[in-house]
Amino acid sequence: MELLKTIFVLGSKPVSMRELAELVIRKVGKGHLNFSPASNKVFDQFTDHSKVASVLGWAPAVGIEEVVNRVIDDIRSTPVIDGKQSLSPN
């Protein structure tokens, strides 16, 4: 019953916040990154699914690029609000 209290981190290959932002900008077709002066804050979150793989045999079936594509497609398919769709390429 100890498994009921187990926390699993799900994900595939590590991706930095910068890589994720650049991927979204490329897929959406607009946007840019603004960098602030360096700080001691860490903004990257890396995932490791080895624990869930060893306990449950689970492995990610969809990579980050497909996840981003699905999210963008879902947002683009939602009704326009206030006359503007935020992820339209133009």
PDB file of N, CA and C in Angstrom:
ATOM      1  N   MET A   1       0.803  -1.208   0.000  1.00  0.00           N
ATOM      2  CA  MET A   1       0.000   0.000   0.000  1.00  0.00           C
ATOM      3  C   MET A   1       0.845   1.271   0.000  1.00  0.00           C
ATOM      4  N   GLU A   2       2.132   1.145   0.204  1.00  0.00           N
ATOM      5  CA  GLU A   2       3.006   2.322   0.184  1.00  0.00           C
ATOM      6  C   GLU A   2       2.978   3.012  -1.169  1.00  0.00           C
ATOM      7  N   LEU A   3       2.699   2.286  -2.243  1.00  0.00           N
ATOM      8  CA  LEU A   3       2.635   2.848  -3.583  1.00  0.00           C
ATOM      9  C   LEU A   3       1.582   3.948  -3.684  1.00  0.00           C
ATOM     10  N   LEU A   4       0.542   3.888  -2.879  1.00  0.00           N
ATOM     11  CA  LEU A   4      -0.504   4.911  -2.914  1.00  0.00           C
ATOM     12  C   LEU A   4       0.028   6.288  -2.541  1.00  0.00           C
ATOM     13  N   LYS A   5       1.154   6.350  -1.865  1.00  0.00           N
ATOM     14  CA  LYS A   5       1.733   7.626  -1.439  1.00  0.00           C
ATOM     15  C   LYS A   5       2.920   8.038  -2.301  1.00  0.00           C
ATOM     16  N   THR A   6       3.164   7.338  -3.370  1.00  0.00           N
ATOM     17  CA  THR A   6       4.319   7.601  -4.226  1.00  0.00           C
ATOM     18  C   THR A   6       4.034   8.748  -5.184  1.00  0.00           C
ATOM     19  N   ILE A   7       4.996   9.623  -5.328  1.00  0.00           N
ATOM     20  CA  ILE A   7       4.900  10.739  -6.272  1.00  0.00           C
ATOM     21  C   ILE A   7       5.740  10.398  -7.492  1.00  0.00           C
ATOM     22  N   PHE A   8       5.140  10.588  -8.669  1.00  0.00           N
ATOM     23  CA  PHE A   8       5.849  10.335  -9.919  1.00  0.00           C
ATOM     24  C   PHE A   8       5.995  11.633 -10.687  1.00  0.00           C
ATOM     25  N   VAL A   9       7.170  11.851 -11.242  1.00  0.00           N
ATOM     26  CA  VAL A   9       7.411  12.980 -12.127  1.00  0.00           C
ATOM     27  C   VAL A   9       7.318  12.442 -13.551  1.00  0.00           C
ATOM     28  N   LEU A  10       6.429  13.036 -14.345  1.00  0.00           N
ATOM     29  CA  LEU A  10       6.217  12.553 -15.703  1.00  0.00           C
ATOM     30  C   LEU A  10       6.849  13.504 -16.698  1.00  0.00           C
ATOM     31  N   GLY A  11       7.383  12.969 -17.749  1.00  0.00           N
ATOM     32  CA  GLY A  11       7.978  13.789 -18.787  1.00  0.00           C
ATOM     33  C   GLY A  11       8.820  12.919 -19.684  1.00  0.00           C
ATOM     34  N   SER A  12       9.394  13.544 -20.664  1.00  0.00           N
ATOM     35  CA  SER A  12      10.262  12.801 -21.572  1.00  0.00           C
ATOM     36  C   SER A  12      11.667  13.344 -21.436  1.00  0.00           C
ATOM     37  N   LYS A  13      12.229  13.853 -22.504  1.00  0.00           N
ATOM     38  CA  LYS A  13      13.598  14.360 -22.415  1.00  0.00           C
ATOM     39  C   LYS A  13      13.612  15.738 -21.763  1.00  0.00           C
ATOM     40  N   PRO A  14      14.709  16.078 -21.082  1.00  0.00           N
ATOM     41  CA  PRO A  14      14.782  17.394 -20.453  1.00  0.00           C
ATOM     42  C   PRO A  14      14.683  18.528 -21.476  1.00  0.00           C
ATOM     43  N   VAL A  15      13.988  19.591 -21.100  1.00  0.00           N
ATOM     44  CA  VAL A  15      13.873  20.778 -21.949  1.00  0.00           C
ATOM     45  C   VAL A  15      13.963  22.000 -21.040  1.00  0.00           C
ATOM     46  N   SER A  16      14.772  22.963 -21.431  1.00  0.00           N
ATOM     47  CA  SER A  16      14.896  24.185 -20.636  1.00  0.00           C
ATOM     48  C   SER A  16      13.746  25.119 -20.970  1.00  0.00           C
ATOM     49  N   MET A  17      13.495  26.075 -20.099  1.00  0.00           N
ATOM     50  CA  MET A  17      12.439  27.055 -20.351  1.00  0.00           C
ATOM     51  C   MET A  17      12.739  27.847 -21.622  1.00  0.00           C
ATOM     52  N   ARG A  18      14.012  28.127 -21.866  1.00  0.00           N
ATOM     53  CA  ARG A  18      14.383  28.841 -23.091  1.00  0.00           C
ATOM     54  C   ARG A  18      14.049  28.008 -24.328  1.00  0.00           C
ATOM     55  N   GLU A  19      14.410  26.712 -24.293  1.00  0.00           N
ATOM     56  CA  GLU A  19      14.101  25.834 -25.421  1.00  0.00           C
ATOM     57  C   GLU A  19      12.596  25.739 -25.643  1.00  0.00           C
ATOM     58  N   LEU A  20      11.835  25.645 -24.552  1.00  0.00           N
ATOM     59  CA  LEU A  20      10.381  25.563 -24.665  1.00  0.00           C
ATOM     60  C   LEU A  20       9.820  26.851 -25.261  1.00  0.00           C
ATOM     61  N   ALA A  21      10.298  27.996 -24.778  1.00  0.00           N
ATOM     62  CA  ALA A  21       9.829  29.285 -25.307  1.00  0.00           C
ATOM     63  C   ALA A  21      10.169  29.422 -26.783  1.00  0.00           C
ATOM     64  N   GLU A  22      11.372  29.041 -27.173  1.00  0.00           N
ATOM     65  CA  GLU A  22      11.773  29.127 -28.578  1.00  0.00           C
ATOM     66  C   GLU A  22      10.926  28.198 -29.452  1.00  0.00           C
ATOM     67  N   LEU A  23      10.587  27.026 -28.944  1.00  0.00           N
ATOM     68  CA  LEU A  23       9.735  26.092 -29.671  1.00  0.00           C
ATOM     69  C   LEU A  23       8.339  26.682 -29.868  1.00  0.00           C
ATOM     70  N   VAL A  24       7.775  27.250 -28.828  1.00  0.00           N
ATOM     71  CA  VAL A  24       6.441  27.852 -28.921  1.00  0.00           C
ATOM     72  C   VAL A  24       6.449  29.011 -29.911  1.00  0.00           C
ATOM     73  N   ILE A  25       7.452  29.865 -29.839  1.00  0.00           N
ATOM     74  CA  ILE A  25       7.550  31.003 -30.768  1.00  0.00           C
ATOM     75  C   ILE A  25       7.647  30.500 -32.201  1.00  0.00           C
ATOM     76  N   ARG A  26       8.451  29.481 -32.429  1.00  0.00           N
ATOM     77  CA  ARG A  26       8.593  28.925 -33.778  1.00  0.00           C
ATOM     78  C   ARG A  26       7.274  28.336 -34.274  1.00  0.00           C
ATOM     79  N   LYS A  27       6.572  27.625 -33.427  1.00  0.00           N
ATOM     80  CA  LYS A  27       5.314  26.988 -33.821  1.00  0.00           C
ATOM     81  C   LYS A  27       4.193  28.013 -34.027  1.00  0.00           C
ATOM     82  N   VAL A  28       4.139  29.040 -33.181  1.00  0.00           N
ATOM     83  CA  VAL A  28       3.094  30.061 -33.289  1.00  0.00           C
ATOM     84  C   VAL A  28       3.386  31.001 -34.447  1.00  0.00           C
ATOM     85  N   GLY A  29       4.672  31.220 -34.719  1.00  0.00           N
ATOM     86  CA  GLY A  29       5.048  32.084 -35.830  1.00  0.00           C
ATOM     87  C   GLY A  29       5.221  33.539 -35.456  1.00  0.00           C
ATOM     88  N   LYS A  30       5.205  33.823 -34.180  1.00  0.00           N
ATOM     89  CA  LYS A  30       5.452  35.200 -33.727  1.00  0.00           C
ATOM     90  C   LYS A  30       5.897  35.171 -32.270  1.00  0.00           C
ATOM     91  N   GLY A  31       6.449  36.286 -31.837  1.00  0.00           N
ATOM     92  CA  GLY A  31       6.918  36.407 -30.466  1.00  0.00           C
ATOM     93  C   GLY A  31       8.425  36.568 -30.408  1.00  0.00           C
ATOM     94  N   HIS A  32       8.913  36.905 -29.247  1.00  0.00           N
ATOM     95  CA  HIS A  32      10.347  37.043 -29.043  1.00  0.00           C
ATOM     96  C   HIS A  32      10.654  36.872 -27.558  1.00  0.00           C
ATOM     97  N   LEU A  33      11.899  36.643 -27.270  1.00  0.00           N
ATOM     98  CA  LEU A  33      12.344  36.486 -25.887  1.00  0.00           C
ATOM     99  C   LEU A  33      13.019  37.761 -25.421  1.00  0.00           C
ATOM    100  N   ASN A  34      12.733  38.151 -24.212  1.00  0.00           N
ATOM    101  CA  ASN A  34      13.429  39.260 -23.559  1.00  0.00           C
ATOM    102  C   ASN A  34      14.172  38.681 -22.368  1.00  0.00           C
ATOM    103  N   PHE A  35      15.453  38.965 -22.283  1.00  0.00           N
ATOM    104  CA  PHE A  35      16.249  38.431 -21.187  1.00  0.00           C
ATOM    105  C   PHE A  35      16.512  39.513 -20.165  1.00  0.00           C
ATOM    106  N   SER A  36      16.311  39.171 -18.909  1.00  0.00           N
ATOM    107  CA  SER A  36      16.609  40.068 -17.800  1.00  0.00           C
ATOM    108  C   SER A  36      18.055  39.852 -17.386  1.00  0.00           C
ATOM    109  N   PRO A  37      18.604  40.776 -16.621  1.00  0.00           N
ATOM    110  CA  PRO A  37      19.961  40.553 -16.113  1.00  0.00           C
ATOM    111  C   PRO A  37      20.015  39.240 -15.320  1.00  0.00           C
ATOM    112  N   ALA A  38      21.171  38.630 -15.308  1.00  0.00           N
ATOM    113  CA  ALA A  38      21.340  37.342 -14.628  1.00  0.00           C
ATOM    114  C   ALA A  38      20.938  37.451 -13.160  1.00  0.00           C
ATOM    115  N   SER A  39      20.371  36.408 -12.657  1.00  0.00           N
ATOM    116  CA  SER A  39      20.013  36.352 -11.240  1.00  0.00           C
ATOM    117  C   SER A  39      20.338  34.952 -10.734  1.00  0.00           C
ATOM    118  N   ASN A  40      20.114  34.737  -9.447  1.00  0.00           N
ATOM    119  CA  ASN A  40      20.373  33.418  -8.882  1.00  0.00           C
ATOM    120  C   ASN A  40      19.127  32.530  -8.924  1.00  0.00           C
ATOM    121  N   LYS A  41      18.088  32.963  -9.612  1.00  0.00           N
ATOM    122  CA  LYS A  41      16.860  32.181  -9.708  1.00  0.00           C
ATOM    123  C   LYS A  41      16.989  31.135 -10.800  1.00  0.00           C
ATOM    124  N   VAL A  42      16.497  29.949 -10.526  1.00  0.00           N
ATOM    125  CA  VAL A  42      16.517  28.860 -11.492  1.00  0.00           C
ATOM    126  C   VAL A  42      15.116  28.724 -12.083  1.00  0.00           C
ATOM    127  N   PHE A  43      15.014  28.800 -13.399  1.00  0.00           N
ATOM    128  CA  PHE A  43      13.714  28.739 -14.043  1.00  0.00           C
ATOM    129  C   PHE A  43      13.498  27.453 -14.834  1.00  0.00           C
ATOM    130  N   ASP A  44      14.499  26.624 -14.944  1.00  0.00           N
ATOM    131  CA  ASP A  44      14.346  25.388 -15.705  1.00  0.00           C
ATOM    132  C   ASP A  44      13.848  24.278 -14.800  1.00  0.00           C
ATOM    133  N   GLN A  45      12.961  23.463 -15.337  1.00  0.00           N
ATOM    134  CA  GLN A  45      12.437  22.298 -14.624  1.00  0.00           C
ATOM    135  C   GLN A  45      12.665  21.092 -15.516  1.00  0.00           C
ATOM    136  N   PHE A  46      13.437  20.159 -15.051  1.00  0.00           N
ATOM    137  CA  PHE A  46      13.723  18.972 -15.841  1.00  0.00           C
ATOM    138  C   PHE A  46      12.974  17.782 -15.254  1.00  0.00           C
ATOM    139  N   THR A  47      12.493  16.925 -16.122  1.00  0.00           N
ATOM    140  CA  THR A  47      11.722  15.773 -15.683  1.00  0.00           C
ATOM    141  C   THR A  47      12.517  14.493 -15.861  1.00  0.00           C
ATOM    142  N   ASP A  48      12.153  13.504 -15.080  1.00  0.00           N
ATOM    143  CA  ASP A  48      12.802  12.200 -15.160  1.00  0.00           C
ATOM    144  C   ASP A  48      11.731  11.152 -14.892  1.00  0.00           C
ATOM    145  N   HIS A  49      11.397  10.375 -15.907  1.00  0.00           N
ATOM    146  CA  HIS A  49      10.335   9.397 -15.736  1.00  0.00           C
ATOM    147  C   HIS A  49      10.851   8.002 -15.362  1.00  0.00           C
ATOM    148  N   SER A  50      12.100   7.901 -14.946  1.00  0.00           N
ATOM    149  CA  SER A  50      12.668   6.583 -14.649  1.00  0.00           C
ATOM    150  C   SER A  50      11.964   5.889 -13.481  1.00  0.00           C
ATOM    151  N   LYS A  51      11.521   6.650 -12.487  1.00  0.00           N
ATOM    152  CA  LYS A  51      10.838   6.040 -11.340  1.00  0.00           C
ATOM    153  C   LYS A  51       9.504   5.420 -11.753  1.00  0.00           C
ATOM    154  N   VAL A  52       8.685   6.174 -12.484  1.00  0.00           N
ATOM    155  CA  VAL A  52       7.394   5.642 -12.918  1.00  0.00           C
ATOM    156  C   VAL A  52       7.595   4.501 -13.924  1.00  0.00           C
ATOM    157  N   ALA A  53       8.654   4.565 -14.691  1.00  0.00           N
ATOM    158  CA  ALA A  53       8.953   3.479 -15.634  1.00  0.00           C
ATOM    159  C   ALA A  53       9.284   2.194 -14.880  1.00  0.00           C
ATOM    160  N   SER A  54      10.076   2.310 -13.825  1.00  0.00           N
ATOM    161  CA  SER A  54      10.470   1.110 -13.081  1.00  0.00           C
ATOM    162  C   SER A  54       9.330   0.549 -12.233  1.00  0.00           C
ATOM    163  N   VAL A  55       8.467   1.411 -11.702  1.00  0.00           N
ATOM    164  CA  VAL A  55       7.379   0.945 -10.842  1.00  0.00           C
ATOM    165  C   VAL A  55       6.158   0.499 -11.639  1.00  0.00           C
ATOM    166  N   LEU A  56       5.765   1.290 -12.622  1.00  0.00           N
ATOM    167  CA  LEU A  56       4.529   1.017 -13.357  1.00  0.00           C
ATOM    168  C   LEU A  56       4.739   0.596 -14.813  1.00  0.00           C
ATOM    169  N   GLY A  57       5.973   0.721 -15.293  1.00  0.00           N
ATOM    170  CA  GLY A  57       6.238   0.382 -16.691  1.00  0.00           C
ATOM    171  C   GLY A  57       5.772   1.453 -17.665  1.00  0.00           C
ATOM    172  N   TRP A  58       5.519   2.657 -17.169  1.00  0.00           N
ATOM    173  CA  TRP A  58       5.025   3.753 -18.009  1.00  0.00           C
ATOM    174  C   TRP A  58       6.179   4.448 -18.709  1.00  0.00           C
ATOM    175  N   ALA A  59       5.941   4.853 -19.943  1.00  0.00           N
ATOM    176  CA  ALA A  59       6.910   5.662 -20.692  1.00  0.00           C
ATOM    177  C   ALA A  59       6.119   6.674 -21.513  1.00  0.00           C
ATOM    178  N   PRO A  60       6.662   7.879 -21.685  1.00  0.00           N
ATOM    179  CA  PRO A  60       5.941   8.881 -22.470  1.00  0.00           C
ATOM    180  C   PRO A  60       5.775   8.440 -23.915  1.00  0.00           C
ATOM    181  N   ALA A  61       4.593   8.654 -24.447  1.00  0.00           N
ATOM    182  CA  ALA A  61       4.320   8.283 -25.835  1.00  0.00           C
ATOM    183  C   ALA A  61       4.338   9.492 -26.756  1.00  0.00           C
ATOM    184  N   VAL A  62       4.322  10.685 -26.164  1.00  0.00           N
ATOM    185  CA  VAL A  62       4.264  11.925 -26.927  1.00  0.00           C
ATOM    186  C   VAL A  62       5.389  12.835 -26.446  1.00  0.00           C
ATOM    187  N   GLY A  63       6.142  13.390 -27.392  1.00  0.00           N
ATOM    188  CA  GLY A  63       7.232  14.289 -27.040  1.00  0.00           C
ATOM    189  C   GLY A  63       6.759  15.726 -26.871  1.00  0.00           C
ATOM    190  N   ILE A  64       7.654  16.574 -26.411  1.00  0.00           N
ATOM    191  CA  ILE A  64       7.312  17.965 -26.107  1.00  0.00           C
ATOM    192  C   ILE A  64       6.822  18.714 -27.343  1.00  0.00           C
ATOM    193  N   GLU A  65       7.400  18.444 -28.507  1.00  0.00           N
ATOM    194  CA  GLU A  65       6.977  19.147 -29.717  1.00  0.00           C
ATOM    195  C   GLU A  65       5.519  18.820 -30.054  1.00  0.00           C
ATOM    196  N   GLU A  66       5.134  17.563 -29.896  1.00  0.00           N
ATOM    197  CA  GLU A  66       3.745  17.174 -30.150  1.00  0.00           C
ATOM    198  C   GLU A  66       2.807  17.785 -29.112  1.00  0.00           C
ATOM    199  N   VAL A  67       3.241  17.859 -27.865  1.00  0.00           N
ATOM    200  CA  VAL A  67       2.426  18.491 -26.823  1.00  0.00           C
ATOM    201  C   VAL A  67       2.179  19.957 -27.168  1.00  0.00           C
ATOM    202  N   VAL A  68       3.238  20.666 -27.564  1.00  0.00           N
ATOM    203  CA  VAL A  68       3.101  22.074 -27.948  1.00  0.00           C
ATOM    204  C   VAL A  68       2.160  22.203 -29.149  1.00  0.00           C
ATOM    205  N   ASN A  69       2.317  21.352 -30.151  1.00  0.00           N
ATOM    206  CA  ASN A  69       1.414  21.383 -31.313  1.00  0.00           C
ATOM    207  C   ASN A  69      -0.038  21.202 -30.890  1.00  0.00           C
ATOM    208  N   ARG A  70      -0.300  20.252 -30.015  1.00  0.00           N
ATOM    209  CA  ARG A  70      -1.668  19.985 -29.571  1.00  0.00           C
ATOM    210  C   ARG A  70      -2.256  21.157 -28.794  1.00  0.00           C
ATOM    211  N   VAL A  71      -1.456  21.761 -27.928  1.00  0.00           N
ATOM    212  CA  VAL A  71      -1.938  22.908 -27.150  1.00  0.00           C
ATOM    213  C   VAL A  71      -2.254  24.076 -28.078  1.00  0.00           C
ATOM    214  N   ILE A  72      -1.354  24.373 -29.006  1.00  0.00           N
ATOM    215  CA  ILE A  72      -1.580  25.474 -29.946  1.00  0.00           C
ATOM    216  C   ILE A  72      -2.817  25.193 -30.797  1.00  0.00           C
ATOM    217  N   ASP A  73      -2.952  23.979 -31.315  1.00  0.00           N
ATOM    218  CA  ASP A  73      -4.135  23.629 -32.108  1.00  0.00           C
ATOM    219  C   ASP A  73      -5.408  23.788 -31.297  1.00  0.00           C
ATOM    220  N   ASP A  74      -5.369  23.378 -30.033  1.00  0.00           N
ATOM    221  CA  ASP A  74      -6.543  23.491 -29.173  1.00  0.00           C
ATOM    222  C   ASP A  74      -6.906  24.959 -28.939  1.00  0.00           C
ATOM    223  N   ILE A  75      -5.917  25.781 -28.665  1.00  0.00           N
ATOM    224  CA  ILE A  75      -6.179  27.212 -28.432  1.00  0.00           C
ATOM    225  C   ILE A  75      -6.700  27.862 -29.706  1.00  0.00           C
ATOM    226  N   ARG A  76      -6.097  27.531 -30.828  1.00  0.00           N
ATOM    227  CA  ARG A  76      -6.541  28.118 -32.100  1.00  0.00           C
ATOM    228  C   ARG A  76      -7.953  27.678 -32.474  1.00  0.00           C
ATOM    229  N   SER A  77      -8.386  26.528 -31.991  1.00  0.00           N
ATOM    230  CA  SER A  77      -9.723  26.038 -32.339  1.00  0.00           C
ATOM    231  C   SER A  77     -10.807  26.572 -31.408  1.00  0.00           C
ATOM    232  N   THR A  78     -10.414  27.305 -30.380  1.00  0.00           N
ATOM    233  CA  THR A  78     -11.411  27.870 -29.467  1.00  0.00           C
ATOM    234  C   THR A  78     -12.024  29.118 -30.090  1.00  0.00           C
ATOM    235  N   PRO A  79     -13.234  29.451 -29.662  1.00  0.00           N
ATOM    236  CA  PRO A  79     -13.870  30.653 -30.213  1.00  0.00           C
ATOM    237  C   PRO A  79     -13.044  31.914 -29.942  1.00  0.00           C
ATOM    238  N   VAL A  80     -13.151  32.845 -30.837  1.00  0.00           N
ATOM    239  CA  VAL A  80     -12.461  34.125 -30.695  1.00  0.00           C
ATOM    240  C   VAL A  80     -13.139  34.908 -29.572  1.00  0.00           C
ATOM    241  N   ILE A  81     -12.342  35.501 -28.696  1.00  0.00           N
ATOM    242  CA  ILE A  81     -12.860  36.283 -27.580  1.00  0.00           C
ATOM    243  C   ILE A  81     -12.520  37.742 -27.801  1.00  0.00           C
ATOM    244  N   ASP A  82     -13.504  38.604 -27.666  1.00  0.00           N
ATOM    245  CA  ASP A  82     -13.318  40.049 -27.851  1.00  0.00           C
ATOM    246  C   ASP A  82     -12.720  40.381 -29.211  1.00  0.00           C
ATOM    247  N   GLY A  83     -13.083  39.602 -30.229  1.00  0.00           N
ATOM    248  CA  GLY A  83     -12.645  39.896 -31.590  1.00  0.00           C
ATOM    249  C   GLY A  83     -11.211  39.559 -31.887  1.00  0.00           C
ATOM    250  N   LYS A  84     -10.510  38.885 -30.970  1.00  0.00           N
ATOM    251  CA  LYS A  84      -9.101  38.587 -31.203  1.00  0.00           C
ATOM    252  C   LYS A  84      -8.773  37.188 -30.714  1.00  0.00           C
ATOM    253  N   GLN A  85      -8.008  36.481 -31.515  1.00  0.00           N
ATOM    254  CA  GLN A  85      -7.507  35.173 -31.098  1.00  0.00           C
ATOM    255  C   GLN A  85      -6.019  35.334 -30.825  1.00  0.00           C
ATOM    256  N   SER A  86      -5.602  35.047 -29.617  1.00  0.00           N
ATOM    257  CA  SER A  86      -4.258  35.374 -29.176  1.00  0.00           C
ATOM    258  C   SER A  86      -3.149  34.604 -29.891  1.00  0.00           C
ATOM    259  N   LEU A  87      -3.432  33.445 -30.462  1.00  0.00           N
ATOM    260  CA  LEU A  87      -2.385  32.680 -31.111  1.00  0.00           C
ATOM    261  C   LEU A  87      -2.493  32.666 -32.630  1.00  0.00           C
ATOM    262  N   SER A  88      -3.228  33.594 -33.182  1.00  0.00           N
ATOM    263  CA  SER A  88      -3.258  33.656 -34.641  1.00  0.00           C
ATOM    264  C   SER A  88      -1.899  34.115 -35.126  1.00  0.00           C
ATOM    265  N   PRO A  89      -1.394  33.552 -36.213  1.00  0.00           N
ATOM    266  CA  PRO A  89      -0.034  33.865 -36.653  1.00  0.00           C
ATOM    267  C   PRO A  89       0.170  35.316 -37.073  1.00  0.00           C
ATOM    268  N   ASN A  90      -0.862  36.038 -37.413  1.00  0.00           N
ATOM    269  CA  ASN A  90      -0.686  37.429 -37.883  1.00  0.00           C
ATOM    270  C   ASN A  90      -1.028  38.430 -36.825  1.00  0.00           C
TER     271      ASN A  90
END
